[in-house]
């Protein structure tokens, strides 16, 4: 919410890193 397209893409990159680390979202 409130993020522009660039920030959305960057957030998804961070979430993928979390997934690789085995965290739950």
PDBML (XML) file of the C-alpha atoms, coordinates in Angstrom:
<?xml version="1.0" encoding="UTF-8" ?>
<PDBx:datablock datablockName="MODEL"
   xmlns:PDBx="http://pdbml.pdb.org/schema/pdbx-v50.xsd"
   xmlns:xsi="http://www.w3.org/2001/XMLSchema-instance"
   xsi:schemaLocation="http://pdbml.pdb.org/schema/pdbx-v50.xsd pdbx-v50.xsd">
   <PDBx:atom_siteCategory>
      <PDBx:atom_site id="1">
         <PDBx:B_iso_or_equiv>0.00</PDBx:B_iso_or_equiv>
         <PDBx:Cartn_x>0.000</PDBx:Cartn_x>
         <PDBx:Cartn_y>0.000</PDBx:Cartn_y>
         <PDBx:Cartn_z>0.000</PDBx:Cartn_z>
         <PDBx:auth_asym_id>A</PDBx:auth_asym_id>
         <PDBx:auth_atom_id>CA</PDBx:auth_atom_id>
         <PDBx:auth_comp_id>UNK</PDBx:auth_comp_id>
         <PDBx:auth_seq_id>1</PDBx:auth_seq_id>
         <PDBx:group_PDB>ATOM</PDBx:group_PDB>
         <PDBx:label_alt_id xsi:nil="true" />
         <PDBx:label_asym_id>A</PDBx:label_asym_id>
         <PDBx:label_atom_id>CA</PDBx:label_atom_id>
         <PDBx:label_comp_id>UNK</PDBx:label_comp_id>
         <PDBx:label_entity_id>1</PDBx:label_entity_id>
         <PDBx:label_seq_id>1</PDBx:label_seq_id>
         <PDBx:occupancy>1.00</PDBx:occupancy>
         <PDBx:pdbx_PDB_model_num>1</PDBx:pdbx_PDB_model_num>
         <PDBx:type_symbol>C</PDBx:type_symbol>
      </PDBx:atom_site>
      <PDBx:atom_site id="2">
         <PDBx:B_iso_or_equiv>0.00</PDBx:B_iso_or_equiv>
         <PDBx:Cartn_x>1.367</PDBx:Cartn_x>
         <PDBx:Cartn_y>3.402</PDBx:Cartn_y>
         <PDBx:Cartn_z>-1.031</PDBx:Cartn_z>
         <PDBx:auth_asym_id>A</PDBx:auth_asym_id>
         <PDBx:auth_atom_id>CA</PDBx:auth_atom_id>
         <PDBx:auth_comp_id>UNK</PDBx:auth_comp_id>
         <PDBx:auth_seq_id>2</PDBx:auth_seq_id>
         <PDBx:group_PDB>ATOM</PDBx:group_PDB>
         <PDBx:label_alt_id xsi:nil="true" />
         <PDBx:label_asym_id>A</PDBx:label_asym_id>
         <PDBx:label_atom_id>CA</PDBx:label_atom_id>
         <PDBx:label_comp_id>UNK</PDBx:label_comp_id>
         <PDBx:label_entity_id>1</PDBx:label_entity_id>
         <PDBx:label_seq_id>2</PDBx:label_seq_id>
         <PDBx:occupancy>1.00</PDBx:occupancy>
         <PDBx:pdbx_PDB_model_num>1</PDBx:pdbx_PDB_model_num>
         <PDBx:type_symbol>C</PDBx:type_symbol>
      </PDBx:atom_site>
      <PDBx:atom_site id="3">
         <PDBx:B_iso_or_equiv>0.00</PDBx:B_iso_or_equiv>
         <PDBx:Cartn_x>4.409</PDBx:Cartn_x>
         <PDBx:Cartn_y>1.996</PDBx:Cartn_y>
         <PDBx:Cartn_z>-2.840</PDBx:Cartn_z>
         <PDBx:auth_asym_id>A</PDBx:auth_asym_id>
         <PDBx:auth_atom_id>CA</PDBx:auth_atom_id>
         <PDBx:auth_comp_id>UNK</PDBx:auth_comp_id>
         <PDBx:auth_seq_id>3</PDBx:auth_seq_id>
         <PDBx:group_PDB>ATOM</PDBx:group_PDB>
         <PDBx:label_alt_id xsi:nil="true" />
         <PDBx:label_asym_id>A</PDBx:label_asym_id>
         <PDBx:label_atom_id>CA</PDBx:label_atom_id>
         <PDBx:label_comp_id>UNK</PDBx:label_comp_id>
         <PDBx:label_entity_id>1</PDBx:label_entity_id>
         <PDBx:label_seq_id>3</PDBx:label_seq_id>
         <PDBx:occupancy>1.00</PDBx:occupancy>
         <PDBx:pdbx_PDB_model_num>1</PDBx:pdbx_PDB_model_num>
         <PDBx:type_symbol>C</PDBx:type_symbol>
      </PDBx:atom_site>
      <PDBx:atom_site id="4">
         <PDBx:B_iso_or_equiv>0.00</PDBx:B_iso_or_equiv>
         <PDBx:Cartn_x>5.357</PDBx:Cartn_x>
         <PDBx:Cartn_y>3.026</PDBx:Cartn_y>
         <PDBx:Cartn_z>-6.376</PDBx:Cartn_z>
         <PDBx:auth_asym_id>A</PDBx:auth_asym_id>
         <PDBx:auth_atom_id>CA</PDBx:auth_atom_id>
         <PDBx:auth_comp_id>UNK</PDBx:auth_comp_id>
         <PDBx:auth_seq_id>4</PDBx:auth_seq_id>
         <PDBx:group_PDB>ATOM</PDBx:group_PDB>
         <PDBx:label_alt_id xsi:nil="true" />
         <PDBx:label_asym_id>A</PDBx:label_asym_id>
         <PDBx:label_atom_id>CA</PDBx:label_atom_id>
         <PDBx:label_comp_id>UNK</PDBx:label_comp_id>
         <PDBx:label_entity_id>1</PDBx:label_entity_id>
         <PDBx:label_seq_id>4</PDBx:label_seq_id>
         <PDBx:occupancy>1.00</PDBx:occupancy>
         <PDBx:pdbx_PDB_model_num>1</PDBx:pdbx_PDB_model_num>
         <PDBx:type_symbol>C</PDBx:type_symbol>
      </PDBx:atom_site>
      <PDBx:atom_site id="5">
         <PDBx:B_iso_or_equiv>0.00</PDBx:B_iso_or_equiv>
         <PDBx:Cartn_x>6.197</PDBx:Cartn_x>
         <PDBx:Cartn_y>0.336</PDBx:Cartn_y>
         <PDBx:Cartn_z>-8.967</PDBx:Cartn_z>
         <PDBx:auth_asym_id>A</PDBx:auth_asym_id>
         <PDBx:auth_atom_id>CA</PDBx:auth_atom_id>
         <PDBx:auth_comp_id>UNK</PDBx:auth_comp_id>
         <PDBx:auth_seq_id>5</PDBx:auth_seq_id>
         <PDBx:group_PDB>ATOM</PDBx:group_PDB>
         <PDBx:label_alt_id xsi:nil="true" />
         <PDBx:label_asym_id>A</PDBx:label_asym_id>
         <PDBx:label_atom_id>CA</PDBx:label_atom_id>
         <PDBx:label_comp_id>UNK</PDBx:label_comp_id>
         <PDBx:label_entity_id>1</PDBx:label_entity_id>
         <PDBx:label_seq_id>5</PDBx:label_seq_id>
         <PDBx:occupancy>1.00</PDBx:occupancy>
         <PDBx:pdbx_PDB_model_num>1</PDBx:pdbx_PDB_model_num>
         <PDBx:type_symbol>C</PDBx:type_symbol>
      </PDBx:atom_site>
      <PDBx:atom_site id="6">
         <PDBx:B_iso_or_equiv>0.00</PDBx:B_iso_or_equiv>
         <PDBx:Cartn_x>9.943</PDBx:Cartn_x>
         <PDBx:Cartn_y>0.486</PDBx:Cartn_y>
         <PDBx:Cartn_z>-8.266</PDBx:Cartn_z>
         <PDBx:auth_asym_id>A</PDBx:auth_asym_id>
         <PDBx:auth_atom_id>CA</PDBx:auth_atom_id>
         <PDBx:auth_comp_id>UNK</PDBx:auth_comp_id>
         <PDBx:auth_seq_id>6</PDBx:auth_seq_id>
         <PDBx:group_PDB>ATOM</PDBx:group_PDB>
         <PDBx:label_alt_id xsi:nil="true" />
         <PDBx:label_asym_id>A</PDBx:label_asym_id>
         <PDBx:label_atom_id>CA</PDBx:label_atom_id>
         <PDBx:label_comp_id>UNK</PDBx:label_comp_id>
         <PDBx:label_entity_id>1</PDBx:label_entity_id>
         <PDBx:label_seq_id>6</PDBx:label_seq_id>
         <PDBx:occupancy>1.00</PDBx:occupancy>
         <PDBx:pdbx_PDB_model_num>1</PDBx:pdbx_PDB_model_num>
         <PDBx:type_symbol>C</PDBx:type_symbol>
      </PDBx:atom_site>
      <PDBx:atom_site id="7">
         <PDBx:B_iso_or_equiv>0.00</PDBx:B_iso_or_equiv>
         <PDBx:Cartn_x>9.468</PDBx:Cartn_x>
         <PDBx:Cartn_y>0.109</PDBx:Cartn_y>
         <PDBx:Cartn_z>-4.521</PDBx:Cartn_z>
         <PDBx:auth_asym_id>A</PDBx:auth_asym_id>
         <PDBx:auth_atom_id>CA</PDBx:auth_atom_id>
         <PDBx:auth_comp_id>UNK</PDBx:auth_comp_id>
         <PDBx:auth_seq_id>7</PDBx:auth_seq_id>
         <PDBx:group_PDB>ATOM</PDBx:group_PDB>
         <PDBx:label_alt_id xsi:nil="true" />
         <PDBx:label_asym_id>A</PDBx:label_asym_id>
         <PDBx:label_atom_id>CA</PDBx:label_atom_id>
         <PDBx:label_comp_id>UNK</PDBx:label_comp_id>
         <PDBx:label_entity_id>1</PDBx:label_entity_id>
         <PDBx:label_seq_id>7</PDBx:label_seq_id>
         <PDBx:occupancy>1.00</PDBx:occupancy>
         <PDBx:pdbx_PDB_model_num>1</PDBx:pdbx_PDB_model_num>
         <PDBx:type_symbol>C</PDBx:type_symbol>
      </PDBx:atom_site>
      <PDBx:atom_site id="8">
         <PDBx:B_iso_or_equiv>0.00</PDBx:B_iso_or_equiv>
         <PDBx:Cartn_x>7.006</PDBx:Cartn_x>
         <PDBx:Cartn_y>-2.761</PDBx:Cartn_y>
         <PDBx:Cartn_z>-5.057</PDBx:Cartn_z>
         <PDBx:auth_asym_id>A</PDBx:auth_asym_id>
         <PDBx:auth_atom_id>CA</PDBx:auth_atom_id>
         <PDBx:auth_comp_id>UNK</PDBx:auth_comp_id>
         <PDBx:auth_seq_id>8</PDBx:auth_seq_id>
         <PDBx:group_PDB>ATOM</PDBx:group_PDB>
         <PDBx:label_alt_id xsi:nil="true" />
         <PDBx:label_asym_id>A</PDBx:label_asym_id>
         <PDBx:label_atom_id>CA</PDBx:label_atom_id>
         <PDBx:label_comp_id>UNK</PDBx:label_comp_id>
         <PDBx:label_entity_id>1</PDBx:label_entity_id>
         <PDBx:label_seq_id>8</PDBx:label_seq_id>
         <PDBx:occupancy>1.00</PDBx:occupancy>
         <PDBx:pdbx_PDB_model_num>1</PDBx:pdbx_PDB_model_num>
         <PDBx:type_symbol>C</PDBx:type_symbol>
      </PDBx:atom_site>
      <PDBx:atom_site id="9">
         <PDBx:B_iso_or_equiv>0.00</PDBx:B_iso_or_equiv>
         <PDBx:Cartn_x>9.556</PDBx:Cartn_x>
         <PDBx:Cartn_y>-4.607</PDBx:Cartn_y>
         <PDBx:Cartn_z>-7.173</PDBx:Cartn_z>
         <PDBx:auth_asym_id>A</PDBx:auth_asym_id>
         <PDBx:auth_atom_id>CA</PDBx:auth_atom_id>
         <PDBx:auth_comp_id>UNK</PDBx:auth_comp_id>
         <PDBx:auth_seq_id>9</PDBx:auth_seq_id>
         <PDBx:group_PDB>ATOM</PDBx:group_PDB>
         <PDBx:label_alt_id xsi:nil="true" />
         <PDBx:label_asym_id>A</PDBx:label_asym_id>
         <PDBx:label_atom_id>CA</PDBx:label_atom_id>
         <PDBx:label_comp_id>UNK</PDBx:label_comp_id>
         <PDBx:label_entity_id>1</PDBx:label_entity_id>
         <PDBx:label_seq_id>9</PDBx:label_seq_id>
         <PDBx:occupancy>1.00</PDBx:occupancy>
         <PDBx:pdbx_PDB_model_num>1</PDBx:pdbx_PDB_model_num>
         <PDBx:type_symbol>C</PDBx:type_symbol>
      </PDBx:atom_site>
      <PDBx:atom_site id="10">
         <PDBx:B_iso_or_equiv>0.00</PDBx:B_iso_or_equiv>
         <PDBx:Cartn_x>12.300</PDBx:Cartn_x>
         <PDBx:Cartn_y>-4.006</PDBx:Cartn_y>
         <PDBx:Cartn_z>-4.610</PDBx:Cartn_z>
         <PDBx:auth_asym_id>A</PDBx:auth_asym_id>
         <PDBx:auth_atom_id>CA</PDBx:auth_atom_id>
         <PDBx:auth_comp_id>UNK</PDBx:auth_comp_id>
         <PDBx:auth_seq_id>10</PDBx:auth_seq_id>
         <PDBx:group_PDB>ATOM</PDBx:group_PDB>
         <PDBx:label_alt_id xsi:nil="true" />
         <PDBx:label_asym_id>A</PDBx:label_asym_id>
         <PDBx:label_atom_id>CA</PDBx:label_atom_id>
         <PDBx:label_comp_id>UNK</PDBx:label_comp_id>
         <PDBx:label_entity_id>1</PDBx:label_entity_id>
         <PDBx:label_seq_id>10</PDBx:label_seq_id>
         <PDBx:occupancy>1.00</PDBx:occupancy>
         <PDBx:pdbx_PDB_model_num>1</PDBx:pdbx_PDB_model_num>
         <PDBx:type_symbol>C</PDBx:type_symbol>
      </PDBx:atom_site>
      <PDBx:atom_site id="11">
         <PDBx:B_iso_or_equiv>0.00</PDBx:B_iso_or_equiv>
         <PDBx:Cartn_x>10.076</PDBx:Cartn_x>
         <PDBx:Cartn_y>-5.193</PDBx:Cartn_y>
         <PDBx:Cartn_z>-1.755</PDBx:Cartn_z>
         <PDBx:auth_asym_id>A</PDBx:auth_asym_id>
         <PDBx:auth_atom_id>CA</PDBx:auth_atom_id>
         <PDBx:auth_comp_id>UNK</PDBx:auth_comp_id>
         <PDBx:auth_seq_id>11</PDBx:auth_seq_id>
         <PDBx:group_PDB>ATOM</PDBx:group_PDB>
         <PDBx:label_alt_id xsi:nil="true" />
         <PDBx:label_asym_id>A</PDBx:label_asym_id>
         <PDBx:label_atom_id>CA</PDBx:label_atom_id>
         <PDBx:label_comp_id>UNK</PDBx:label_comp_id>
         <PDBx:label_entity_id>1</PDBx:label_entity_id>
         <PDBx:label_seq_id>11</PDBx:label_seq_id>
         <PDBx:occupancy>1.00</PDBx:occupancy>
         <PDBx:pdbx_PDB_model_num>1</PDBx:pdbx_PDB_model_num>
         <PDBx:type_symbol>C</PDBx:type_symbol>
      </PDBx:atom_site>
      <PDBx:atom_site id="12">
         <PDBx:B_iso_or_equiv>0.00</PDBx:B_iso_or_equiv>
         <PDBx:Cartn_x>9.336</PDBx:Cartn_x>
         <PDBx:Cartn_y>-8.404</PDBx:Cartn_y>
         <PDBx:Cartn_z>-3.627</PDBx:Cartn_z>
         <PDBx:auth_asym_id>A</PDBx:auth_asym_id>
         <PDBx:auth_atom_id>CA</PDBx:auth_atom_id>
         <PDBx:auth_comp_id>UNK</PDBx:auth_comp_id>
         <PDBx:auth_seq_id>12</PDBx:auth_seq_id>
         <PDBx:group_PDB>ATOM</PDBx:group_PDB>
         <PDBx:label_alt_id xsi:nil="true" />
         <PDBx:label_asym_id>A</PDBx:label_asym_id>
         <PDBx:label_atom_id>CA</PDBx:label_atom_id>
         <PDBx:label_comp_id>UNK</PDBx:label_comp_id>
         <PDBx:label_entity_id>1</PDBx:label_entity_id>
         <PDBx:label_seq_id>12</PDBx:label_seq_id>
         <PDBx:occupancy>1.00</PDBx:occupancy>
         <PDBx:pdbx_PDB_model_num>1</PDBx:pdbx_PDB_model_num>
         <PDBx:type_symbol>C</PDBx:type_symbol>
      </PDBx:atom_site>
      <PDBx:atom_site id="13">
         <PDBx:B_iso_or_equiv>0.00</PDBx:B_iso_or_equiv>
         <PDBx:Cartn_x>13.080</PDBx:Cartn_x>
         <PDBx:Cartn_y>-8.943</PDBx:Cartn_y>
         <PDBx:Cartn_z>-4.000</PDBx:Cartn_z>
         <PDBx:auth_asym_id>A</PDBx:auth_asym_id>
         <PDBx:auth_atom_id>CA</PDBx:auth_atom_id>
         <PDBx:auth_comp_id>UNK</PDBx:auth_comp_id>
         <PDBx:auth_seq_id>13</PDBx:auth_seq_id>
         <PDBx:group_PDB>ATOM</PDBx:group_PDB>
         <PDBx:label_alt_id xsi:nil="true" />
         <PDBx:label_asym_id>A</PDBx:label_asym_id>
         <PDBx:label_atom_id>CA</PDBx:label_atom_id>
         <PDBx:label_comp_id>UNK</PDBx:label_comp_id>
         <PDBx:label_entity_id>1</PDBx:label_entity_id>
         <PDBx:label_seq_id>13</PDBx:label_seq_id>
         <PDBx:occupancy>1.00</PDBx:occupancy>
         <PDBx:pdbx_PDB_model_num>1</PDBx:pdbx_PDB_model_num>
         <PDBx:type_symbol>C</PDBx:type_symbol>
      </PDBx:atom_site>
      <PDBx:atom_site id="14">
         <PDBx:B_iso_or_equiv>0.00</PDBx:B_iso_or_equiv>
         <PDBx:Cartn_x>13.447</PDBx:Cartn_x>
         <PDBx:Cartn_y>-8.621</PDBx:Cartn_y>
         <PDBx:Cartn_z>-0.227</PDBx:Cartn_z>
         <PDBx:auth_asym_id>A</PDBx:auth_asym_id>
         <PDBx:auth_atom_id>CA</PDBx:auth_atom_id>
         <PDBx:auth_comp_id>UNK</PDBx:auth_comp_id>
         <PDBx:auth_seq_id>14</PDBx:auth_seq_id>
         <PDBx:group_PDB>ATOM</PDBx:group_PDB>
         <PDBx:label_alt_id xsi:nil="true" />
         <PDBx:label_asym_id>A</PDBx:label_asym_id>
         <PDBx:label_atom_id>CA</PDBx:label_atom_id>
         <PDBx:label_comp_id>UNK</PDBx:label_comp_id>
         <PDBx:label_entity_id>1</PDBx:label_entity_id>
         <PDBx:label_seq_id>14</PDBx:label_seq_id>
         <PDBx:occupancy>1.00</PDBx:occupancy>
         <PDBx:pdbx_PDB_model_num>1</PDBx:pdbx_PDB_model_num>
         <PDBx:type_symbol>C</PDBx:type_symbol>
      </PDBx:atom_site>
      <PDBx:atom_site id="15">
         <PDBx:B_iso_or_equiv>0.00</PDBx:B_iso_or_equiv>
         <PDBx:Cartn_x>10.589</PDBx:Cartn_x>
         <PDBx:Cartn_y>-11.063</PDBx:Cartn_y>
         <PDBx:Cartn_z>0.311</PDBx:Cartn_z>
         <PDBx:auth_asym_id>A</PDBx:auth_asym_id>
         <PDBx:auth_atom_id>CA</PDBx:auth_atom_id>
         <PDBx:auth_comp_id>UNK</PDBx:auth_comp_id>
         <PDBx:auth_seq_id>15</PDBx:auth_seq_id>
         <PDBx:group_PDB>ATOM</PDBx:group_PDB>
         <PDBx:label_alt_id xsi:nil="true" />
         <PDBx:label_asym_id>A</PDBx:label_asym_id>
         <PDBx:label_atom_id>CA</PDBx:label_atom_id>
         <PDBx:label_comp_id>UNK</PDBx:label_comp_id>
         <PDBx:label_entity_id>1</PDBx:label_entity_id>
         <PDBx:label_seq_id>15</PDBx:label_seq_id>
         <PDBx:occupancy>1.00</PDBx:occupancy>
         <PDBx:pdbx_PDB_model_num>1</PDBx:pdbx_PDB_model_num>
         <PDBx:type_symbol>C</PDBx:type_symbol>
      </PDBx:atom_site>
      <PDBx:atom_site id="16">
         <PDBx:B_iso_or_equiv>0.00</PDBx:B_iso_or_equiv>
         <PDBx:Cartn_x>12.239</PDBx:Cartn_x>
         <PDBx:Cartn_y>-13.590</PDBx:Cartn_y>
         <PDBx:Cartn_z>-1.978</PDBx:Cartn_z>
         <PDBx:auth_asym_id>A</PDBx:auth_asym_id>
         <PDBx:auth_atom_id>CA</PDBx:auth_atom_id>
         <PDBx:auth_comp_id>UNK</PDBx:auth_comp_id>
         <PDBx:auth_seq_id>16</PDBx:auth_seq_id>
         <PDBx:group_PDB>ATOM</PDBx:group_PDB>
         <PDBx:label_alt_id xsi:nil="true" />
         <PDBx:label_asym_id>A</PDBx:label_asym_id>
         <PDBx:label_atom_id>CA</PDBx:label_atom_id>
         <PDBx:label_comp_id>UNK</PDBx:label_comp_id>
         <PDBx:label_entity_id>1</PDBx:label_entity_id>
         <PDBx:label_seq_id>16</PDBx:label_seq_id>
         <PDBx:occupancy>1.00</PDBx:occupancy>
         <PDBx:pdbx_PDB_model_num>1</PDBx:pdbx_PDB_model_num>
         <PDBx:type_symbol>C</PDBx:type_symbol>
      </PDBx:atom_site>
      <PDBx:atom_site id="17">
         <PDBx:B_iso_or_equiv>0.00</PDBx:B_iso_or_equiv>
         <PDBx:Cartn_x>15.393</PDBx:Cartn_x>
         <PDBx:Cartn_y>-13.294</PDBx:Cartn_y>
         <PDBx:Cartn_z>0.114</PDBx:Cartn_z>
         <PDBx:auth_asym_id>A</PDBx:auth_asym_id>
         <PDBx:auth_atom_id>CA</PDBx:auth_atom_id>
         <PDBx:auth_comp_id>UNK</PDBx:auth_comp_id>
         <PDBx:auth_seq_id>17</PDBx:auth_seq_id>
         <PDBx:group_PDB>ATOM</PDBx:group_PDB>
         <PDBx:label_alt_id xsi:nil="true" />
         <PDBx:label_asym_id>A</PDBx:label_asym_id>
         <PDBx:label_atom_id>CA</PDBx:label_atom_id>
         <PDBx:label_comp_id>UNK</PDBx:label_comp_id>
         <PDBx:label_entity_id>1</PDBx:label_entity_id>
         <PDBx:label_seq_id>17</PDBx:label_seq_id>
         <PDBx:occupancy>1.00</PDBx:occupancy>
         <PDBx:pdbx_PDB_model_num>1</PDBx:pdbx_PDB_model_num>
         <PDBx:type_symbol>C</PDBx:type_symbol>
      </PDBx:atom_site>
      <PDBx:atom_site id="18">
         <PDBx:B_iso_or_equiv>0.00</PDBx:B_iso_or_equiv>
         <PDBx:Cartn_x>13.293</PDBx:Cartn_x>
         <PDBx:Cartn_y>-14.040</PDBx:Cartn_y>
         <PDBx:Cartn_z>3.196</PDBx:Cartn_z>
         <PDBx:auth_asym_id>A</PDBx:auth_asym_id>
         <PDBx:auth_atom_id>CA</PDBx:auth_atom_id>
         <PDBx:auth_comp_id>UNK</PDBx:auth_comp_id>
         <PDBx:auth_seq_id>18</PDBx:auth_seq_id>
         <PDBx:group_PDB>ATOM</PDBx:group_PDB>
         <PDBx:label_alt_id xsi:nil="true" />
         <PDBx:label_asym_id>A</PDBx:label_asym_id>
         <PDBx:label_atom_id>CA</PDBx:label_atom_id>
         <PDBx:label_comp_id>UNK</PDBx:label_comp_id>
         <PDBx:label_entity_id>1</PDBx:label_entity_id>
         <PDBx:label_seq_id>18</PDBx:label_seq_id>
         <PDBx:occupancy>1.00</PDBx:occupancy>
         <PDBx:pdbx_PDB_model_num>1</PDBx:pdbx_PDB_model_num>
         <PDBx:type_symbol>C</PDBx:type_symbol>
      </PDBx:atom_site>
      <PDBx:atom_site id="19">
         <PDBx:B_iso_or_equiv>0.00</PDBx:B_iso_or_equiv>
         <PDBx:Cartn_x>11.826</PDBx:Cartn_x>
         <PDBx:Cartn_y>-17.088</PDBx:Cartn_y>
         <PDBx:Cartn_z>1.502</PDBx:Cartn_z>
         <PDBx:auth_asym_id>A</PDBx:auth_asym_id>
         <PDBx:auth_atom_id>CA</PDBx:auth_atom_id>
         <PDBx:auth_comp_id>UNK</PDBx:auth_comp_id>
         <PDBx:auth_seq_id>19</PDBx:auth_seq_id>
         <PDBx:group_PDB>ATOM</PDBx:group_PDB>
         <PDBx:label_alt_id xsi:nil="true" />
         <PDBx:label_asym_id>A</PDBx:label_asym_id>
         <PDBx:label_atom_id>CA</PDBx:label_atom_id>
         <PDBx:label_comp_id>UNK</PDBx:label_comp_id>
         <PDBx:label_entity_id>1</PDBx:label_entity_id>
         <PDBx:label_seq_id>19</PDBx:label_seq_id>
         <PDBx:occupancy>1.00</PDBx:occupancy>
         <PDBx:pdbx_PDB_model_num>1</PDBx:pdbx_PDB_model_num>
         <PDBx:type_symbol>C</PDBx:type_symbol>
      </PDBx:atom_site>
      <PDBx:atom_site id="20">
         <PDBx:B_iso_or_equiv>0.00</PDBx:B_iso_or_equiv>
         <PDBx:Cartn_x>15.282</PDBx:Cartn_x>
         <PDBx:Cartn_y>-18.387</PDBx:Cartn_y>
         <PDBx:Cartn_z>0.689</PDBx:Cartn_z>
         <PDBx:auth_asym_id>A</PDBx:auth_asym_id>
         <PDBx:auth_atom_id>CA</PDBx:auth_atom_id>
         <PDBx:auth_comp_id>UNK</PDBx:auth_comp_id>
         <PDBx:auth_seq_id>20</PDBx:auth_seq_id>
         <PDBx:group_PDB>ATOM</PDBx:group_PDB>
         <PDBx:label_alt_id xsi:nil="true" />
         <PDBx:label_asym_id>A</PDBx:label_asym_id>
         <PDBx:label_atom_id>CA</PDBx:label_atom_id>
         <PDBx:label_comp_id>UNK</PDBx:label_comp_id>
         <PDBx:label_entity_id>1</PDBx:label_entity_id>
         <PDBx:label_seq_id>20</PDBx:label_seq_id>
         <PDBx:occupancy>1.00</PDBx:occupancy>
         <PDBx:pdbx_PDB_model_num>1</PDBx:pdbx_PDB_model_num>
         <PDBx:type_symbol>C</PDBx:type_symbol>
      </PDBx:atom_site>
      <PDBx:atom_site id="21">
         <PDBx:B_iso_or_equiv>0.00</PDBx:B_iso_or_equiv>
         <PDBx:Cartn_x>16.168</PDBx:Cartn_x>
         <PDBx:Cartn_y>-17.899</PDBx:Cartn_y>
         <PDBx:Cartn_z>4.370</PDBx:Cartn_z>
         <PDBx:auth_asym_id>A</PDBx:auth_asym_id>
         <PDBx:auth_atom_id>CA</PDBx:auth_atom_id>
         <PDBx:auth_comp_id>UNK</PDBx:auth_comp_id>
         <PDBx:auth_seq_id>21</PDBx:auth_seq_id>
         <PDBx:group_PDB>ATOM</PDBx:group_PDB>
         <PDBx:label_alt_id xsi:nil="true" />
         <PDBx:label_asym_id>A</PDBx:label_asym_id>
         <PDBx:label_atom_id>CA</PDBx:label_atom_id>
         <PDBx:label_comp_id>UNK</PDBx:label_comp_id>
         <PDBx:label_entity_id>1</PDBx:label_entity_id>
         <PDBx:label_seq_id>21</PDBx:label_seq_id>
         <PDBx:occupancy>1.00</PDBx:occupancy>
         <PDBx:pdbx_PDB_model_num>1</PDBx:pdbx_PDB_model_num>
         <PDBx:type_symbol>C</PDBx:type_symbol>
      </PDBx:atom_site>
      <PDBx:atom_site id="22">
         <PDBx:B_iso_or_equiv>0.00</PDBx:B_iso_or_equiv>
         <PDBx:Cartn_x>13.208</PDBx:Cartn_x>
         <PDBx:Cartn_y>-20.100</PDBx:Cartn_y>
         <PDBx:Cartn_z>5.354</PDBx:Cartn_z>
         <PDBx:auth_asym_id>A</PDBx:auth_asym_id>
         <PDBx:auth_atom_id>CA</PDBx:auth_atom_id>
         <PDBx:auth_comp_id>UNK</PDBx:auth_comp_id>
         <PDBx:auth_seq_id>22</PDBx:auth_seq_id>
         <PDBx:group_PDB>ATOM</PDBx:group_PDB>
         <PDBx:label_alt_id xsi:nil="true" />
         <PDBx:label_asym_id>A</PDBx:label_asym_id>
         <PDBx:label_atom_id>CA</PDBx:label_atom_id>
         <PDBx:label_comp_id>UNK</PDBx:label_comp_id>
         <PDBx:label_entity_id>1</PDBx:label_entity_id>
         <PDBx:label_seq_id>22</PDBx:label_seq_id>
         <PDBx:occupancy>1.00</PDBx:occupancy>
         <PDBx:pdbx_PDB_model_num>1</PDBx:pdbx_PDB_model_num>
         <PDBx:type_symbol>C</PDBx:type_symbol>
      </PDBx:atom_site>
      <PDBx:atom_site id="23">
         <PDBx:B_iso_or_equiv>0.00</PDBx:B_iso_or_equiv>
         <PDBx:Cartn_x>11.111</PDBx:Cartn_x>
         <PDBx:Cartn_y>-17.388</PDBx:Cartn_y>
         <PDBx:Cartn_z>6.985</PDBx:Cartn_z>
         <PDBx:auth_asym_id>A</PDBx:auth_asym_id>
         <PDBx:auth_atom_id>CA</PDBx:auth_atom_id>
         <PDBx:auth_comp_id>UNK</PDBx:auth_comp_id>
         <PDBx:auth_seq_id>23</PDBx:auth_seq_id>
         <PDBx:group_PDB>ATOM</PDBx:group_PDB>
         <PDBx:label_alt_id xsi:nil="true" />
         <PDBx:label_asym_id>A</PDBx:label_asym_id>
         <PDBx:label_atom_id>CA</PDBx:label_atom_id>
         <PDBx:label_comp_id>UNK</PDBx:label_comp_id>
         <PDBx:label_entity_id>1</PDBx:label_entity_id>
         <PDBx:label_seq_id>23</PDBx:label_seq_id>
         <PDBx:occupancy>1.00</PDBx:occupancy>
         <PDBx:pdbx_PDB_model_num>1</PDBx:pdbx_PDB_model_num>
         <PDBx:type_symbol>C</PDBx:type_symbol>
      </PDBx:atom_site>
      <PDBx:atom_site id="24">
         <PDBx:B_iso_or_equiv>0.00</PDBx:B_iso_or_equiv>
         <PDBx:Cartn_x>7.306</PDBx:Cartn_x>
         <PDBx:Cartn_y>-17.481</PDBx:Cartn_y>
         <PDBx:Cartn_z>6.978</PDBx:Cartn_z>
         <PDBx:auth_asym_id>A</PDBx:auth_asym_id>
         <PDBx:auth_atom_id>CA</PDBx:auth_atom_id>
         <PDBx:auth_comp_id>UNK</PDBx:auth_comp_id>
         <PDBx:auth_seq_id>24</PDBx:auth_seq_id>
         <PDBx:group_PDB>ATOM</PDBx:group_PDB>
         <PDBx:label_alt_id xsi:nil="true" />
         <PDBx:label_asym_id>A</PDBx:label_asym_id>
         <PDBx:label_atom_id>CA</PDBx:label_atom_id>
         <PDBx:label_comp_id>UNK</PDBx:label_comp_id>
         <PDBx:label_entity_id>1</PDBx:label_entity_id>
         <PDBx:label_seq_id>24</PDBx:label_seq_id>
         <PDBx:occupancy>1.00</PDBx:occupancy>
         <PDBx:pdbx_PDB_model_num>1</PDBx:pdbx_PDB_model_num>
         <PDBx:type_symbol>C</PDBx:type_symbol>
      </PDBx:atom_site>
      <PDBx:atom_site id="25">
         <PDBx:B_iso_or_equiv>0.00</PDBx:B_iso_or_equiv>
         <PDBx:Cartn_x>5.210</PDBx:Cartn_x>
         <PDBx:Cartn_y>-14.649</PDBx:Cartn_y>
         <PDBx:Cartn_z>5.541</PDBx:Cartn_z>
         <PDBx:auth_asym_id>A</PDBx:auth_asym_id>
         <PDBx:auth_atom_id>CA</PDBx:auth_atom_id>
         <PDBx:auth_comp_id>UNK</PDBx:auth_comp_id>
         <PDBx:auth_seq_id>25</PDBx:auth_seq_id>
         <PDBx:group_PDB>ATOM</PDBx:group_PDB>
         <PDBx:label_alt_id xsi:nil="true" />
         <PDBx:label_asym_id>A</PDBx:label_asym_id>
         <PDBx:label_atom_id>CA</PDBx:label_atom_id>
         <PDBx:label_comp_id>UNK</PDBx:label_comp_id>
         <PDBx:label_entity_id>1</PDBx:label_entity_id>
         <PDBx:label_seq_id>25</PDBx:label_seq_id>
         <PDBx:occupancy>1.00</PDBx:occupancy>
         <PDBx:pdbx_PDB_model_num>1</PDBx:pdbx_PDB_model_num>
         <PDBx:type_symbol>C</PDBx:type_symbol>
      </PDBx:atom_site>
   </PDBx:atom_siteCategory>
</PDBx:datablock>
